Each structure stands twice: as C-alpha cells, then as structure tokens.
Amino acid sequence: MATFGKDQWESVGEFIADRRRAAELSLRQLAERAGVSNPYLSQIERGLRKPSAEVLQQVAKALQVSAEVLYIRAGILDPDDDPATTFEHVVSADPRLNERQRKILIDLYASFVEPFDVAEPTKEK
C-alpha cells in the first residue's frame, strides 16, 4: 500500500473535478449522486480533504468509473499490484473519451481477455 502525500490527494481531487465537468455535472449534482455533502465534495476536489475509500467508491459510482481508478489516483492502490486494472485505469482517465466510449472500450477489452481467464483443459495424446 502506498503512502498518502498531499499531491496525491490534490491529484485525486483534480481528477474528480475533471471527470465531473466532462460528465457535465454540477458539484451539487455529483454530491447528491454520491451521497456526500456539497461542501465536503468541494473540499475533496480542492485537495483539502482526504476522502475514505468508501467515499471514493461512492464518487466513482456516481461518475461511472471504477473505484480502483480513484484508489490508484489517491495512492491507496498501486497499479502494479493489480495489472487487470491498468487498461481500465487508462481508459477511464482519458478525458478525450465520453462515458459511452469508455464503457465500449472496457467491454470490448474484457471480451478479448475473458477467454484467457478460463483455464484451458489439458489435451491427452
């Protein structure tokens, strides 16, 4: 587990703010969807508050991104610890993509890798 530095919390706050704006949500709308107060979310976005993993999960759900993306941004998770989140992290973090495009890319990627997740039966000669 990584240590938490001020820069990481500012980074996660900036990321949340960027994603909120990309989703065309007001601060109030996101706070309502995530079940947190408007002032608290504002402080998170400005890097003044360190949200718990639970709050990050609620915000991720409201923004329709994986919680792992926010955990990595916050330094709670190391992306090298779970390589399966790397592709999703990159796609979810790309501001050039809209939510529909992100979902399609992640679903398409999953369709390619899922067959390899199932153990292949051994063939006998």
Protein backbone atom coordinates (compact mmCIF):
# COMPACT_ATOMS: atom_id res chain seq x y z
CA MET A 1 0.00 0.00 0.00
CA ALA A 2 1.32 3.43 -0.91
CA THR A 3 1.73 6.33 1.47
CA PHE A 4 -0.52 9.33 1.12
CA GLY A 5 1.05 12.61 0.12
CA LYS A 6 -0.66 15.94 -0.30
CA ASP A 7 -0.01 15.83 -4.06
CA GLN A 8 -1.89 12.54 -4.36
CA TRP A 9 -4.99 13.97 -2.69
CA GLU A 10 -4.82 17.08 -4.87
CA SER A 11 -4.44 14.81 -7.90
CA VAL A 12 -7.48 12.71 -6.99
CA GLY A 13 -9.47 15.88 -6.35
CA GLU A 14 -8.47 17.36 -9.70
CA PHE A 15 -9.33 14.08 -11.39
CA ILE A 16 -12.78 14.03 -9.78
CA ALA A 17 -13.38 17.65 -10.78
CA ASP A 18 -12.24 16.98 -14.36
CA ARG A 19 -14.47 13.91 -14.64
CA ARG A 20 -17.40 15.79 -13.11
CA ARG A 21 -17.05 18.58 -15.68
CA ALA A 22 -16.64 16.05 -18.51
CA ALA A 23 -19.89 14.41 -17.39
CA GLU A 24 -21.48 17.88 -17.35
CA LEU A 25 -22.47 17.58 -13.70
CA SER A 26 -22.53 20.41 -11.22
CA LEU A 27 -20.77 19.97 -7.91
CA ARG A 28 -24.18 19.78 -6.26
CA GLN A 29 -25.40 17.08 -8.65
CA LEU A 30 -22.34 14.90 -8.10
CA ALA A 31 -22.52 15.36 -4.34
CA GLU A 32 -26.17 14.29 -4.39
CA ARG A 33 -25.46 11.23 -6.55
CA ALA A 34 -22.51 10.22 -4.37
CA GLY A 35 -24.40 10.78 -1.12
CA VAL A 36 -21.93 13.31 0.28
CA SER A 37 -22.37 16.96 1.17
CA ASN A 38 -21.68 19.65 -1.39
CA PRO A 39 -19.05 21.43 0.81
CA TYR A 40 -17.28 18.14 1.56
CA LEU A 41 -17.04 17.25 -2.15
CA SER A 42 -15.76 20.75 -2.89
CA GLN A 43 -13.01 20.28 -0.31
CA ILE A 44 -12.09 16.91 -1.84
CA GLU A 45 -11.86 18.45 -5.30
CA ARG A 46 -9.57 21.19 -3.99
CA GLY A 47 -7.34 18.66 -2.20
CA LEU A 48 -8.27 19.99 1.25
CA ARG A 49 -9.88 16.75 2.49
CA LYS A 50 -8.77 13.15 2.31
CA PRO A 51 -11.80 11.02 1.48
CA SER A 52 -12.11 7.50 2.80
CA ALA A 53 -12.08 4.52 0.45
CA GLU A 54 -15.84 4.29 0.97
CA VAL A 55 -16.40 7.91 -0.15
CA LEU A 56 -14.13 7.37 -3.15
CA GLN A 57 -16.20 4.32 -4.03
CA GLN A 58 -19.43 6.34 -3.85
CA VAL A 59 -17.93 9.11 -6.00
CA ALA A 60 -16.62 6.56 -8.51
CA LYS A 61 -20.06 5.01 -8.80
CA ALA A 62 -21.64 8.44 -9.31
CA LEU A 63 -19.07 9.25 -12.01
CA GLN A 64 -19.45 5.78 -13.56
CA VAL A 65 -15.77 4.90 -13.22
CA SER A 66 -14.24 2.02 -11.36
CA ALA A 67 -13.36 2.67 -7.73
CA GLU A 68 -9.90 1.28 -8.46
CA VAL A 69 -9.23 4.27 -10.72
CA LEU A 70 -9.77 6.63 -7.79
CA TYR A 71 -7.90 4.36 -5.38
CA ILE A 72 -4.88 4.42 -7.69
CA ARG A 73 -5.11 8.21 -8.07
CA ALA A 74 -5.29 8.58 -4.29
CA GLY A 75 -2.35 6.25 -3.77
CA ILE A 76 -4.46 3.68 -1.93
CA LEU A 77 -3.77 1.05 -4.60
CA ASP A 78 -0.59 0.52 -6.55
CA PRO A 79 -1.44 -0.15 -10.21
CA ASP A 80 1.34 -2.73 -10.32
CA ASP A 81 -0.41 -4.74 -7.61
CA ASP A 82 -3.34 -5.48 -9.91
CA PRO A 83 -2.40 -5.37 -13.59
CA ALA A 84 -6.02 -6.10 -14.55
CA THR A 85 -6.94 -2.53 -13.59
CA THR A 86 -4.26 -0.92 -15.75
CA PHE A 87 -6.21 -0.87 -19.02
CA GLU A 88 -9.38 0.22 -17.29
CA HIS A 89 -7.45 2.91 -15.45
CA VAL A 90 -6.03 4.36 -18.67
CA VAL A 91 -9.37 4.31 -20.49
CA SER A 92 -11.26 5.73 -17.51
CA ALA A 93 -8.73 8.52 -17.04
CA ASP A 94 -8.70 9.67 -20.66
CA PRO A 95 -10.60 12.99 -20.81
CA ARG A 96 -10.97 12.72 -24.60
CA LEU A 97 -13.45 9.85 -24.23
CA ASN A 98 -17.06 10.16 -23.20
CA GLU A 99 -18.73 7.69 -20.82
CA ARG A 100 -20.24 5.61 -23.64
CA GLN A 101 -16.87 5.29 -25.40
CA ARG A 102 -15.16 4.28 -22.13
CA LYS A 103 -17.74 1.57 -21.47
CA ILE A 104 -17.49 0.21 -25.02
CA LEU A 105 -13.68 0.06 -24.90
CA ILE A 106 -13.63 -1.64 -21.49
CA ASP A 107 -16.33 -4.13 -22.53
CA LEU A 108 -14.52 -4.87 -25.80
CA TYR A 109 -11.23 -5.39 -23.98
CA ALA A 110 -12.92 -7.70 -21.47
CA SER A 111 -14.37 -9.76 -24.33
CA PHE A 112 -10.85 -10.36 -25.66
CA VAL A 113 -9.21 -11.28 -22.37
CA GLU A 114 -12.00 -13.29 -20.72
CA PRO A 115 -11.36 -16.41 -22.82
CA PHE A 116 -7.81 -16.45 -21.45
CA ASP A 117 -9.02 -16.16 -17.86
CA VAL A 118 -10.59 -19.63 -18.05
CA ALA A 119 -8.12 -22.44 -17.56
CA GLU A 120 -7.62 -24.42 -20.75
CA PRO A 121 -8.31 -28.12 -20.41
CA THR A 122 -5.28 -30.31 -20.89
CA LYS A 123 -5.30 -32.45 -24.01
CA GLU A 124 -4.30 -36.08 -23.71
CA LYS A 125 -2.45 -37.80 -26.53
